[in-house]
Amino acid sequence: MLFRTFKSLMISVLLGFSLMSFCQAKTIVYQGSGNEEWKKTGVRGGDVIVIPDGEYHNFKITIQGKGKRSKPVRLKAETPGGVVLTGESWIYYYGHYVVVDGFDLKNIKPSLYNKKLRAPIANIKPGASTEKSADMCQMCILQHIRIDQEHPEALAADYRWVDIYGYYNIVRHNYFGGKKSQGRVLQLNLKHADKENKPANHRIQYNYFASRNEGEPLDNGGEALLIGESSRQHVSAQVRVEMNLFYDASVAGEPEVISNKSSDNLYQYNTIRNTSASLTLRHGDRNTVQYNWFLQNQRPGSGGVRVIGKDNVVLNNYIDGAAGAQGETEGKTYRTALGMAAGYSEADDKAHINGYQLSVNNVFDRNTVVRSVQPVMLSSWYKRDQDMTRPPQQTTFTNNLVFQMGHQPLDEYWVKGQAISVDFTPESKYTNKQGKQNVAEYFPSFKALSGNISDWAVSNLVKEGVTIDRTSKLSGCDAFATGDQVFEPFGGTGADLSLMAEPLRWTNELKSAKLGPAWLNNNWLDAAKGYRPCQS
């Protein structure tokens, strides 16, 4: 009896050691030289997959893992930035709690998979359905990646660099260099979220989207970031885009550097510099744009925030030097510092999901617009020979500071030299190409209109809510020690700079703290710069 008990005890101990050994996290080291499709599936939480330092050509990595919050699956370069992937290389990852870290992609081009061009990075099983989340990533992280330079054969292709699917994923601390080809740099796809009726809840943080304008001008599709699509505009995506830098980040000819085509998203603390485009709420409702910098330096075609839809909030943003439509040949009105589009007629709106929806109950509060050629347009149109006859309704326009400081507003027929313009005014004499006078279904309406200050003429429809001050000067200084002269609020109007993070920069002399990959940024752990009032 005693022997049996001892034997049972030993078996239990040995089995326990065996299970401990079986459950222990593993380090898996790639042994090849690239130029192959390498898959690792069923990777467990805590396991680390290491790619040794070196350059790998046409190396297709696919990882499927089931990690936990405390024990994620990690796919990493041996040394951050030490693994260079070229040609038709890709990284595809899916499952739960998978972290992809530290890779450098150069001279890349898209792969053809199932007769379709594929992005070099995506968090989905290659070839999987985009309508079901089973083969996508949830709670996964893409970080400290650089994608820069394209293979010459990729320049004529229309493809994306990064595709994000699934739920609760993070894209942070990455460097997205000059994509010269057609197609978005980063796209968040929502077909599965629509089918499964769930918010995507992604986070896009601390990324640098670099210059795209060394190539040829492109048509629609040259955005840096797209969230959703026209047919998914009703999806409550609940994505947060914060602390990203966009520098010259939209291809010439593309008016949207960020294109929002879904609902309930938040854009905050981002910096958009020298970019010939705007942050555009192209489709969707209940989105918020707040505490962002638009430092455009009179770049042709540059703007700030453009709104279409319902219940959107544009709050406490700072827009300087938006050159607007100057030099543009058509579609000029969507190049404003602050703009809101007129909607299609009700019949056309129902017929065209990708058209211009009626804008209702949108809020513009405590924004600063300075030195911008086409400052504010609260009922703009795209092409008047289309049936855009419904001006926005129930707009809140309060406490906004619109100072030209010697930069005269663009004197076109729809602006009439006004700093704050409202189209479809009773005195409008515009006639369309068919020779018929364009008549609005109704005139714009305001829920609240007060507390605004301008140093230039404004539309008759906003005169009751705007004070004209041509004698005062704004107080400006380098309030964040970033080399940017910014102007403080005046008379209780304009963006409160003390609520804003420092304007982000990426130069040889200065890279903002925690921006981009740690291995590319020698002051990555520095503290952010605080606000110092100009009067102190």
Protein backbone atom coordinates (compact mmCIF):
# COMPACT_ATOMS: atom_id res chain seq x y z
CA MET A 1 0.00 0.00 0.00
CA LEU A 2 2.82 2.32 0.92
CA PHE A 3 4.63 1.46 -2.32
CA ARG A 4 1.50 2.28 -4.34
CA THR A 5 1.17 5.64 -2.60
CA PHE A 6 4.83 6.47 -3.22
CA LYS A 7 4.51 5.37 -6.86
CA SER A 8 1.42 7.55 -7.35
CA LEU A 9 3.21 10.49 -5.76
CA MET A 10 6.23 10.11 -8.08
CA ILE A 11 4.00 9.86 -11.12
CA SER A 12 2.24 13.06 -10.05
CA VAL A 13 5.55 14.87 -9.52
CA LEU A 14 6.95 13.72 -12.87
CA LEU A 15 3.71 14.63 -14.62
CA GLY A 16 3.84 18.06 -12.99
CA PHE A 17 7.40 18.62 -14.21
CA SER A 18 6.34 17.44 -17.65
CA LEU A 19 3.40 19.88 -17.74
CA MET A 20 5.60 22.72 -16.49
CA SER A 21 8.09 21.97 -19.23
CA PHE A 22 5.30 21.77 -21.79
CA CYS A 23 3.75 25.09 -20.70
CA GLN A 24 7.02 26.99 -20.38
CA ALA A 25 7.41 29.89 -22.83
CA LYS A 26 9.68 29.19 -25.78
CA THR A 27 12.03 31.24 -27.92
CA ILE A 28 11.72 30.33 -31.59
CA VAL A 29 14.59 31.52 -33.79
CA TYR A 30 14.24 31.65 -37.57
CA GLN A 31 17.02 29.61 -39.23
CA GLY A 32 16.61 30.50 -42.92
CA SER A 33 17.87 33.20 -45.24
CA GLY A 34 14.56 34.57 -46.51
CA ASN A 35 13.09 34.25 -50.00
CA GLU A 36 10.34 31.95 -48.71
CA GLU A 37 6.94 31.89 -47.05
CA TRP A 38 7.49 31.04 -43.39
CA LYS A 39 4.51 30.27 -41.15
CA LYS A 40 4.23 29.71 -37.42
CA THR A 41 0.77 28.88 -36.13
CA GLY A 42 -0.50 27.87 -32.72
CA VAL A 43 2.12 29.99 -30.96
CA ARG A 44 1.38 30.20 -27.24
CA GLY A 45 1.31 33.13 -24.85
CA GLY A 46 4.78 34.12 -23.69
CA ASP A 47 6.52 32.63 -26.73
CA VAL A 48 9.00 34.87 -28.52
CA ILE A 49 9.76 34.52 -32.24
CA VAL A 50 13.09 36.06 -33.15
CA ILE A 51 14.29 36.94 -36.64
CA PRO A 52 18.12 37.24 -36.58
CA ASP A 53 19.60 40.52 -37.75
CA GLY A 54 20.27 40.80 -41.47
CA GLU A 55 18.63 41.62 -44.80
CA TYR A 56 15.92 39.28 -46.11
CA HIS A 57 14.52 39.46 -49.63
CA ASN A 58 10.98 38.29 -50.52
CA PHE A 59 10.55 36.93 -46.99
CA LYS A 60 6.87 36.33 -46.16
CA ILE A 61 6.26 35.90 -42.42
CA THR A 62 2.87 34.69 -41.16
CA ILE A 63 2.27 34.32 -37.41
CA GLN A 64 -0.83 33.05 -35.63
CA GLY A 65 -0.74 33.21 -31.86
CA LYS A 66 -2.96 33.01 -28.84
CA GLY A 67 -1.41 35.16 -26.17
CA LYS A 68 -2.75 36.78 -23.04
CA ARG A 69 -2.60 40.33 -21.75
CA SER A 70 0.18 39.35 -19.31
CA LYS A 71 1.83 36.92 -21.75
CA PRO A 72 1.59 38.13 -25.34
CA VAL A 73 3.10 36.38 -28.33
CA ARG A 74 6.05 38.43 -29.61
CA LEU A 75 7.47 38.55 -33.13
CA LYS A 76 10.60 40.69 -33.00
CA ALA A 77 13.80 41.61 -34.72
CA GLU A 78 16.87 40.35 -32.89
CA THR A 79 17.98 43.96 -32.55
CA PRO A 80 15.38 46.75 -33.01
CA GLY A 81 15.85 47.95 -36.58
CA GLY A 82 18.38 45.20 -37.30
CA VAL A 83 16.13 43.14 -39.57
CA VAL A 84 15.64 44.62 -43.04
CA LEU A 85 12.88 43.18 -45.24
CA THR A 86 12.96 44.00 -48.96
CA GLY A 87 11.07 43.22 -52.17
CA GLU A 88 7.84 41.25 -51.80
CA SER A 89 8.36 40.60 -48.10
CA TRP A 90 5.39 40.74 -45.78
CA ILE A 91 4.42 40.41 -42.13
CA TYR A 92 0.95 38.95 -41.53
CA TYR A 93 -0.16 38.29 -37.96
CA TYR A 94 -3.44 37.23 -36.41
CA GLY A 95 -4.93 35.74 -33.24
CA HIS A 96 -4.95 37.33 -29.77
CA TYR A 97 -2.35 39.51 -28.04
CA VAL A 98 0.33 39.35 -30.72
CA VAL A 99 3.07 42.02 -30.68
CA VAL A 100 5.13 42.77 -33.82
CA ASP A 101 8.20 44.82 -32.99
CA GLY A 102 11.28 46.45 -34.49
CA PHE A 103 11.37 45.62 -38.23
CA ASP A 104 12.70 47.79 -41.06
CA LEU A 105 11.02 47.49 -44.50
CA LYS A 106 12.86 48.99 -47.48
CA ASN A 107 12.59 48.89 -51.26
CA ILE A 108 9.31 47.04 -50.89
CA LYS A 109 6.62 46.16 -53.40
CA PRO A 110 3.24 44.46 -53.00
CA SER A 111 2.77 40.71 -53.26
CA LEU A 112 0.19 39.10 -55.50
CA TYR A 113 -1.86 36.66 -53.40
CA ASN A 114 -5.05 35.06 -54.71
CA LYS A 115 -4.77 37.42 -57.71
CA LYS A 116 -4.88 40.52 -55.48
CA LEU A 117 -2.19 42.98 -54.47
CA ARG A 118 -1.52 42.64 -50.76
CA ALA A 119 -0.17 45.11 -48.23
CA PRO A 120 3.30 44.38 -46.82
CA ILE A 121 1.83 44.42 -43.29
CA ALA A 122 -1.64 43.25 -42.22
CA ASN A 123 -3.17 41.72 -39.10
CA ILE A 124 -5.20 39.05 -40.86
CA LYS A 125 -4.60 35.55 -42.15
CA PRO A 126 -3.54 35.79 -45.83
CA GLY A 127 -6.57 35.27 -48.05
CA ALA A 128 -9.07 35.17 -45.15
CA SER A 129 -12.57 36.63 -45.35
CA THR A 130 -12.77 40.33 -44.53
CA GLU A 131 -16.34 39.90 -43.28
CA LYS A 132 -15.53 37.62 -40.31
CA SER A 133 -13.11 38.38 -37.49
CA ALA A 134 -12.13 34.74 -36.77
CA ASP A 135 -8.86 35.06 -38.73
CA MET A 136 -8.04 38.61 -37.69
CA CYS A 137 -6.18 40.11 -34.75
CA GLN A 138 -7.63 41.17 -31.44
CA MET A 139 -5.66 43.12 -28.82
CA CYS A 140 -2.54 43.08 -31.04
CA ILE A 141 0.21 45.69 -31.33
CA LEU A 142 2.31 46.87 -34.30
CA GLN A 143 5.18 48.99 -33.00
CA HIS A 144 8.67 50.37 -33.71
CA ILE A 145 8.38 49.56 -37.44
CA ARG A 146 9.82 51.60 -40.28
CA ILE A 147 8.48 51.37 -43.82
CA ASP A 148 10.46 53.54 -46.20
CA GLN A 149 11.33 53.56 -49.88
CA GLU A 150 9.54 51.58 -52.57
CA HIS A 151 10.91 49.33 -55.26
CA PRO A 152 10.66 51.07 -58.68
CA GLU A 153 8.22 48.36 -59.82
CA ALA A 154 5.83 49.38 -57.03
CA LEU A 155 5.43 52.99 -58.11
CA ALA A 156 2.73 52.19 -60.69
CA ALA A 157 0.79 49.91 -58.30
CA ASP A 158 -2.32 50.82 -56.30
CA TYR A 159 -1.91 49.19 -52.91
CA ARG A 160 -1.75 49.96 -49.18
CA TRP A 161 1.22 49.66 -46.88
CA VAL A 162 -0.62 48.60 -43.71
CA ASP A 163 -4.07 47.00 -43.41
CA ILE A 164 -5.67 46.78 -39.97
CA TYR A 165 -8.66 44.55 -39.20
CA GLY A 166 -10.15 42.98 -36.05
CA TYR A 167 -10.74 44.67 -32.71
CA TYR A 168 -8.84 46.57 -30.01
CA ASN A 169 -5.57 46.76 -31.96
CA ILE A 170 -2.81 49.34 -31.51
CA VAL A 171 -0.52 50.87 -34.15
CA ARG A 172 2.09 52.95 -32.33
CA HIS A 173 5.61 54.40 -32.58
CA ASN A 174 6.07 53.66 -36.29
CA TYR A 175 7.74 55.56 -39.13
CA PHE A 176 5.86 55.56 -42.44
CA GLY A 177 8.19 57.07 -45.04
CA GLY A 178 7.48 58.55 -48.43
CA LYS A 179 4.94 56.31 -50.16
CA LYS A 180 4.96 57.50 -53.78
CA SER A 181 2.49 54.97 -55.21
CA GLN A 182 -1.30 55.16 -55.35
CA GLY A 183 -3.15 53.92 -52.26
CA ARG A 184 -3.31 54.74 -48.57
CA VAL A 185 -0.42 54.38 -46.18
CA LEU A 186 -2.61 52.97 -43.39
CA GLN A 187 -6.20 51.77 -43.73
CA LEU A 188 -8.54 50.57 -40.99
CA ASN A 189 -11.07 48.17 -42.49
CA LEU A 190 -14.56 47.83 -41.01
CA LYS A 191 -16.49 45.32 -43.10
CA HIS A 192 -16.31 42.72 -40.32
CA ALA A 193 -17.27 45.31 -37.68
CA ASP A 194 -20.31 46.17 -39.75
CA LYS A 195 -21.35 42.52 -40.18
CA GLU A 196 -20.74 41.67 -36.51
CA ASN A 197 -22.13 44.97 -35.17
CA LYS A 198 -19.12 45.72 -32.94
CA PRO A 199 -16.92 48.81 -32.60
CA ALA A 200 -13.35 48.33 -33.82
CA ASN A 201 -11.82 50.30 -30.92
CA HIS A 202 -8.34 50.65 -32.47
CA ARG A 203 -5.67 53.11 -31.29
CA ILE A 204 -3.31 54.92 -33.70
CA GLN A 205 -0.63 56.67 -31.63
CA TYR A 206 2.82 58.30 -31.85
CA ASN A 207 3.38 57.54 -35.55
CA TYR A 208 5.23 59.68 -38.07
CA PHE A 209 3.71 59.88 -41.56
CA ALA A 210 6.44 61.38 -43.74
CA SER A 211 6.56 63.12 -47.11
CA ARG A 212 4.75 61.61 -50.10
CA ASN A 213 5.39 64.32 -52.67
CA GLU A 214 8.55 63.37 -54.47
CA GLY A 215 6.50 61.33 -56.94
CA GLU A 216 3.85 62.22 -59.51
CA PRO A 217 0.53 63.83 -58.50
CA LEU A 218 -2.18 61.20 -58.00
CA ASP A 219 -5.94 61.14 -57.99
CA ASN A 220 -8.24 60.13 -55.14
CA GLY A 221 -6.70 57.50 -52.87
CA GLY A 222 -3.50 59.20 -51.75
CA GLU A 223 -4.41 59.69 -48.08
CA ALA A 224 -2.08 58.87 -45.21
CA LEU A 225 -4.90 57.37 -43.12
CA LEU A 226 -8.39 56.08 -43.95
CA ILE A 227 -10.86 54.79 -41.37
CA GLY A 228 -13.77 52.94 -42.95
CA GLU A 229 -15.35 53.48 -46.34
CA SER A 230 -18.39 55.23 -47.76
CA SER A 231 -20.64 52.18 -47.43
CA ARG A 232 -19.56 51.71 -43.76
CA GLN A 233 -20.06 55.31 -42.64
CA HIS A 234 -22.76 54.27 -40.18
CA VAL A 235 -20.41 51.91 -38.30
CA SER A 236 -19.57 53.08 -34.78
CA ALA A 237 -15.82 52.47 -35.13
CA GLN A 238 -14.72 54.24 -31.90
CA VAL A 239 -11.13 54.62 -33.11
CA ARG A 240 -8.71 57.01 -31.39
CA VAL A 241 -6.04 58.78 -33.46
CA GLU A 242 -3.72 60.76 -31.20
CA MET A 243 -0.20 62.18 -30.95
CA ASN A 244 0.70 61.48 -34.60
CA LEU A 245 2.74 63.72 -36.91
CA PHE A 246 1.77 64.12 -40.57
CA TYR A 247 4.40 66.01 -42.58
CA ASP A 248 3.73 66.60 -46.29
CA ALA A 249 1.77 63.40 -45.88
CA SER A 250 -0.84 63.60 -48.66
CA VAL A 251 -0.02 63.13 -52.32
CA ALA A 252 -0.49 66.27 -54.44
CA GLY A 253 -4.00 66.22 -55.87
CA GLU A 254 -5.48 64.35 -52.88
CA PRO A 255 -7.42 66.80 -50.65
CA GLU A 256 -7.60 64.49 -47.60
CA VAL A 257 -4.60 63.57 -45.48
CA ILE A 258 -6.92 61.81 -43.02
CA SER A 259 -10.20 60.53 -44.42
CA ASN A 260 -12.84 59.61 -41.88
CA LYS A 261 -15.59 57.35 -43.25
CA SER A 262 -17.15 55.96 -40.08
CA SER A 263 -18.68 57.24 -36.83
CA ASP A 264 -17.73 57.96 -33.20
CA ASN A 265 -14.01 58.44 -33.80
CA LEU A 266 -11.68 60.76 -31.89
CA TYR A 267 -8.78 62.76 -33.40
CA GLN A 268 -6.72 64.63 -30.83
CA TYR A 269 -3.23 66.04 -30.16
CA ASN A 270 -2.06 65.37 -33.73
CA THR A 271 0.15 67.73 -35.77
CA ILE A 272 -0.29 68.22 -39.52
CA ARG A 273 2.51 70.21 -41.16
CA ASN A 274 3.13 71.47 -44.71
CA THR A 275 0.51 69.11 -46.14
CA SER A 276 -1.59 69.94 -49.21
CA ALA A 277 -4.76 68.47 -47.68
CA SER A 278 -7.15 68.54 -44.70
CA LEU A 279 -8.36 66.28 -41.94
CA THR A 280 -11.69 65.41 -43.51
CA LEU A 281 -14.78 63.95 -41.85
CA ARG A 282 -15.88 62.75 -45.28
CA HIS A 283 -18.62 60.42 -44.03
CA GLY A 284 -19.97 59.52 -40.60
CA ASP A 285 -21.48 61.13 -37.53
CA ARG A 286 -20.53 61.99 -33.93
CA ASN A 287 -16.81 62.33 -34.59
CA THR A 288 -14.62 64.67 -32.53
CA VAL A 289 -11.58 66.65 -33.73
CA GLN A 290 -9.87 68.46 -30.86
CA TYR A 291 -6.51 69.88 -29.70
CA ASN A 292 -4.81 69.38 -33.07
CA TRP A 293 -2.16 71.57 -34.75
CA PHE A 294 -2.32 72.46 -38.46
CA LEU A 295 0.91 74.32 -39.24
CA GLN A 296 0.70 74.56 -43.02
CA ASN A 297 3.26 77.26 -43.94
CA GLN A 298 1.18 78.44 -46.95
CA ARG A 299 1.53 75.08 -48.67
CA PRO A 300 -0.62 75.13 -51.85
CA GLY A 301 -3.84 73.19 -51.30
CA SER A 302 -3.37 73.00 -47.54
CA GLY A 303 -6.32 73.19 -45.17
CA GLY A 304 -7.47 72.29 -41.69
CA VAL A 305 -10.72 70.48 -40.88
CA ARG A 306 -13.55 69.77 -43.33
CA VAL A 307 -16.86 68.37 -42.07
CA ILE A 308 -19.74 66.46 -43.65
CA GLY A 309 -22.38 64.65 -41.59
CA LYS A 310 -24.17 65.08 -38.28
CA ASP A 311 -23.29 65.78 -34.64
CA ASN A 312 -19.55 66.23 -35.23
CA VAL A 313 -17.46 68.42 -32.90
CA VAL A 314 -14.44 70.53 -33.96
CA LEU A 315 -13.00 71.94 -30.74
CA ASN A 316 -9.88 73.88 -29.72
CA ASN A 317 -7.81 73.32 -32.86
CA TYR A 318 -5.06 75.67 -34.06
CA ILE A 319 -4.74 76.30 -37.82
CA ASP A 320 -1.99 78.52 -39.25
CA GLY A 321 -1.00 79.27 -42.83
CA ALA A 322 -3.56 77.17 -44.71
CA ALA A 323 -3.15 78.30 -48.34
CA GLY A 324 -6.48 76.82 -49.37
CA ALA A 325 -7.51 76.84 -53.01
CA GLN A 326 -4.75 79.10 -54.26
CA GLY A 327 -3.36 77.43 -57.37
CA GLU A 328 -6.09 74.77 -57.52
CA THR A 329 -8.05 74.40 -60.76
CA GLU A 330 -11.24 72.77 -59.42
CA GLY A 331 -12.79 71.47 -56.22
CA LYS A 332 -11.52 74.62 -54.59
CA THR A 333 -14.00 74.91 -51.78
CA TYR A 334 -12.81 71.86 -49.89
CA ARG A 335 -9.44 73.49 -49.29
CA THR A 336 -10.59 75.67 -46.38
CA ALA A 337 -9.04 76.03 -42.92
CA LEU A 338 -12.45 75.28 -41.42
CA GLY A 339 -15.11 74.08 -43.81
CA MET A 340 -18.46 72.37 -43.98
CA ALA A 341 -19.96 71.10 -47.21
CA ALA A 342 -23.42 71.64 -48.59
CA GLY A 343 -25.30 68.38 -49.08
CA TYR A 344 -26.77 66.69 -52.09
CA SER A 345 -30.49 67.02 -52.62
CA GLU A 346 -32.50 64.44 -50.71
CA ALA A 347 -33.04 62.36 -53.85
CA ASP A 348 -29.37 62.42 -54.84
CA ASP A 349 -28.30 61.69 -51.28
CA LYS A 350 -30.33 58.48 -51.26
CA ALA A 351 -28.96 57.48 -54.65
CA HIS A 352 -25.26 58.07 -53.90
CA ILE A 353 -23.78 56.53 -50.74
CA ASN A 354 -20.46 58.18 -51.59
CA GLY A 355 -21.99 61.63 -52.11
CA TYR A 356 -22.30 64.58 -49.75
CA GLN A 357 -24.71 63.99 -46.89
CA LEU A 358 -26.63 66.79 -45.21
CA SER A 359 -24.62 68.38 -42.37
CA VAL A 360 -26.70 68.93 -39.24
CA ASN A 361 -25.89 69.95 -35.65
CA ASN A 362 -22.13 70.27 -36.08
CA VAL A 363 -20.09 72.26 -33.55
CA PHE A 364 -17.10 74.56 -34.19
CA ASP A 365 -15.94 76.01 -30.88
CA ARG A 366 -12.76 77.75 -29.63
CA ASN A 367 -10.68 77.22 -32.76
CA THR A 368 -7.91 79.56 -33.88
CA VAL A 369 -7.46 80.25 -37.62
CA VAL A 370 -4.62 82.63 -38.50
CA ARG A 371 -2.89 83.72 -41.73
CA SER A 372 -4.99 81.39 -43.88
CA VAL A 373 -5.93 82.35 -47.42
CA GLN A 374 -9.29 80.57 -47.34
CA PRO A 375 -10.17 80.73 -43.65
CA VAL A 376 -13.73 79.60 -42.82
CA MET A 377 -16.50 78.42 -45.13
CA LEU A 378 -19.63 77.17 -43.42
CA SER A 379 -21.55 75.99 -46.48
CA SER A 380 -19.22 75.06 -49.29
CA TRP A 381 -19.85 73.05 -52.42
CA TYR A 382 -17.73 70.71 -54.48
CA LYS A 383 -19.00 71.20 -58.03
CA ARG A 384 -22.02 73.40 -58.46
CA ASP A 385 -23.20 71.56 -61.58
CA GLN A 386 -24.02 68.70 -59.22
CA ASP A 387 -27.16 68.96 -57.13
CA MET A 388 -25.60 70.21 -53.87
CA THR A 389 -28.52 72.38 -52.79
CA ARG A 390 -28.90 71.69 -49.04
CA PRO A 391 -26.83 74.00 -46.82
CA PRO A 392 -25.93 72.83 -43.29
CA GLN A 393 -28.50 73.19 -40.55
CA GLN A 394 -28.36 73.96 -36.82
CA THR A 395 -24.64 74.76 -36.79
CA THR A 396 -22.88 75.92 -33.61
CA PHE A 397 -20.10 78.42 -34.40
CA THR A 398 -18.85 79.99 -31.19
CA ASN A 399 -15.71 81.59 -29.73
CA ASN A 400 -13.56 81.12 -32.82
CA LEU A 401 -10.66 83.47 -33.57
CA VAL A 402 -10.16 84.15 -37.30
CA PHE A 403 -7.32 86.61 -37.86
CA GLN A 404 -5.73 87.16 -41.26
CA MET A 405 -2.88 89.41 -40.06
CA GLY A 406 -2.29 90.83 -43.54
CA HIS A 407 -3.12 87.65 -45.49
CA GLN A 408 -6.13 88.66 -47.59
CA PRO A 409 -8.79 85.93 -48.01
CA LEU A 410 -8.96 84.41 -51.47
CA ASP A 411 -11.19 86.71 -53.51
CA GLU A 412 -13.27 84.24 -55.50
CA TYR A 413 -16.97 84.49 -56.25
CA TRP A 414 -18.01 82.14 -53.45
CA VAL A 415 -15.75 83.78 -50.83
CA LYS A 416 -16.04 87.46 -51.80
CA GLY A 417 -12.97 88.33 -49.74
CA GLN A 418 -14.58 87.15 -46.51
CA ALA A 419 -12.75 85.59 -43.57
CA ILE A 420 -15.94 83.75 -42.54
CA SER A 421 -18.00 82.88 -45.59
CA VAL A 422 -21.41 81.27 -45.86
CA ASP A 423 -22.45 80.18 -49.35
CA PHE A 424 -26.03 80.12 -50.68
CA THR A 425 -26.61 83.63 -49.40
CA PRO A 426 -29.63 85.52 -50.78
CA GLU A 427 -27.32 87.79 -52.78
CA SER A 428 -25.61 84.88 -54.56
CA LYS A 429 -25.63 85.37 -58.33
CA TYR A 430 -23.98 82.10 -59.31
CA THR A 431 -25.37 80.19 -62.28
CA ASN A 432 -24.30 76.69 -63.19
CA LYS A 433 -22.93 75.37 -66.49
CA GLN A 434 -26.43 74.64 -67.75
CA GLY A 435 -27.31 78.31 -67.42
CA LYS A 436 -29.88 77.70 -64.69
CA GLN A 437 -29.66 79.78 -61.56
CA ASN A 438 -28.66 77.60 -58.62
CA VAL A 439 -31.35 77.80 -55.96
CA ALA A 440 -30.88 76.28 -52.52
CA GLU A 441 -33.62 74.20 -50.95
CA TYR A 442 -33.21 76.44 -47.88
CA PHE A 443 -30.62 78.74 -46.31
CA PRO A 444 -28.08 77.74 -43.65
CA SER A 445 -29.24 77.86 -40.05
CA PHE A 446 -27.42 78.24 -36.74
CA LYS A 447 -28.16 76.77 -33.32
CA ALA A 448 -25.58 79.06 -31.70
CA LEU A 449 -23.57 81.91 -33.21
CA SER A 450 -21.64 84.13 -30.80
CA GLY A 451 -18.29 85.15 -29.37
CA ASN A 452 -16.30 84.99 -32.62
CA ILE A 453 -13.68 87.63 -33.54
CA SER A 454 -12.28 88.41 -36.99
CA ASP A 455 -10.04 91.12 -38.43
CA TRP A 456 -11.60 90.83 -41.90
CA ALA A 457 -15.05 91.07 -43.47
CA VAL A 458 -17.56 88.27 -42.86
CA SER A 459 -20.77 87.02 -44.47
CA ASN A 460 -23.98 88.85 -43.64
CA LEU A 461 -25.32 85.57 -42.25
CA VAL A 462 -22.77 85.55 -39.39
CA LYS A 463 -22.48 89.28 -38.63
CA GLU A 464 -24.59 89.03 -35.47
CA GLY A 465 -22.15 86.53 -33.97
CA VAL A 466 -18.80 88.01 -35.05
CA THR A 467 -16.95 91.05 -33.75
CA ILE A 468 -14.72 92.76 -36.32
CA ASP A 469 -11.45 94.01 -34.79
CA ARG A 470 -8.99 95.50 -37.28
CA THR A 471 -6.82 97.38 -34.80
CA SER A 472 -5.68 94.78 -32.27
CA LYS A 473 -2.60 92.60 -32.62
CA LEU A 474 -2.35 89.04 -31.40
CA SER A 475 0.30 88.05 -28.87
CA GLY A 476 2.58 85.35 -30.25
CA CYS A 477 5.72 83.50 -29.18
CA ASP A 478 7.50 80.14 -29.25
CA ALA A 479 5.30 78.92 -26.42
CA PHE A 480 6.43 75.28 -26.55
CA ALA A 481 10.14 75.74 -27.42
CA THR A 482 9.67 73.84 -30.69
CA GLY A 483 10.52 76.71 -33.02
CA ASP A 484 6.86 77.40 -33.85
CA GLN A 485 5.46 80.89 -33.34
CA VAL A 486 1.92 80.51 -32.07
CA PHE A 487 -0.67 83.13 -31.17
CA GLU A 488 -2.61 83.06 -27.95
CA PRO A 489 -6.38 83.47 -27.51
CA PHE A 490 -7.72 86.99 -27.77
CA GLY A 491 -10.75 88.52 -26.09
CA GLY A 492 -11.97 85.15 -24.85
CA THR A 493 -11.85 83.52 -28.27
CA GLY A 494 -9.59 80.98 -29.94
CA ALA A 495 -7.84 77.77 -28.94
CA ASP A 496 -6.65 77.49 -25.35
CA LEU A 497 -2.98 76.55 -25.87
CA SER A 498 -2.58 75.38 -22.29
CA LEU A 499 -4.87 72.43 -23.09
CA MET A 500 -2.75 71.32 -26.04
CA ALA A 501 0.32 69.08 -26.24
CA GLU A 502 3.43 70.46 -27.94
CA PRO A 503 3.40 70.69 -31.75
CA LEU A 504 5.17 67.55 -32.96
CA ARG A 505 8.34 67.74 -35.06
CA TRP A 506 10.70 65.37 -36.87
CA THR A 507 13.90 66.98 -38.08
CA ASN A 508 17.60 66.16 -37.86
CA GLU A 509 17.84 68.61 -34.99
CA LEU A 510 14.67 67.73 -33.14
CA LYS A 511 12.43 64.70 -32.96
CA SER A 512 9.53 64.99 -30.55
CA ALA A 513 9.68 62.65 -27.59
CA LYS A 514 8.15 59.20 -28.07
CA LEU A 515 7.42 59.86 -31.75
CA GLY A 516 8.21 57.02 -34.15
CA PRO A 517 10.38 53.97 -33.40
CA ALA A 518 12.66 54.21 -30.36
CA TRP A 519 15.60 52.96 -32.45
CA LEU A 520 15.20 55.91 -34.87
CA ASN A 521 14.72 58.61 -32.25
CA ASN A 522 17.62 59.43 -29.97
CA ASN A 523 15.47 61.47 -27.58
CA TRP A 524 12.57 59.02 -27.53
CA LEU A 525 12.34 58.95 -23.74
CA ASP A 526 12.52 62.74 -23.29
CA ALA A 527 9.64 64.45 -21.59
CA ALA A 528 7.16 66.40 -23.70
CA LYS A 529 7.60 70.17 -23.73
CA GLY A 530 5.14 72.16 -21.67
CA TYR A 531 3.31 75.37 -22.55
CA ARG A 532 4.82 78.69 -21.50
CA PRO A 533 2.51 81.73 -21.84
CA CYS A 534 3.74 84.49 -24.11
CA GLN A 535 3.17 87.13 -21.46
CA SER A 536 5.43 85.53 -18.86
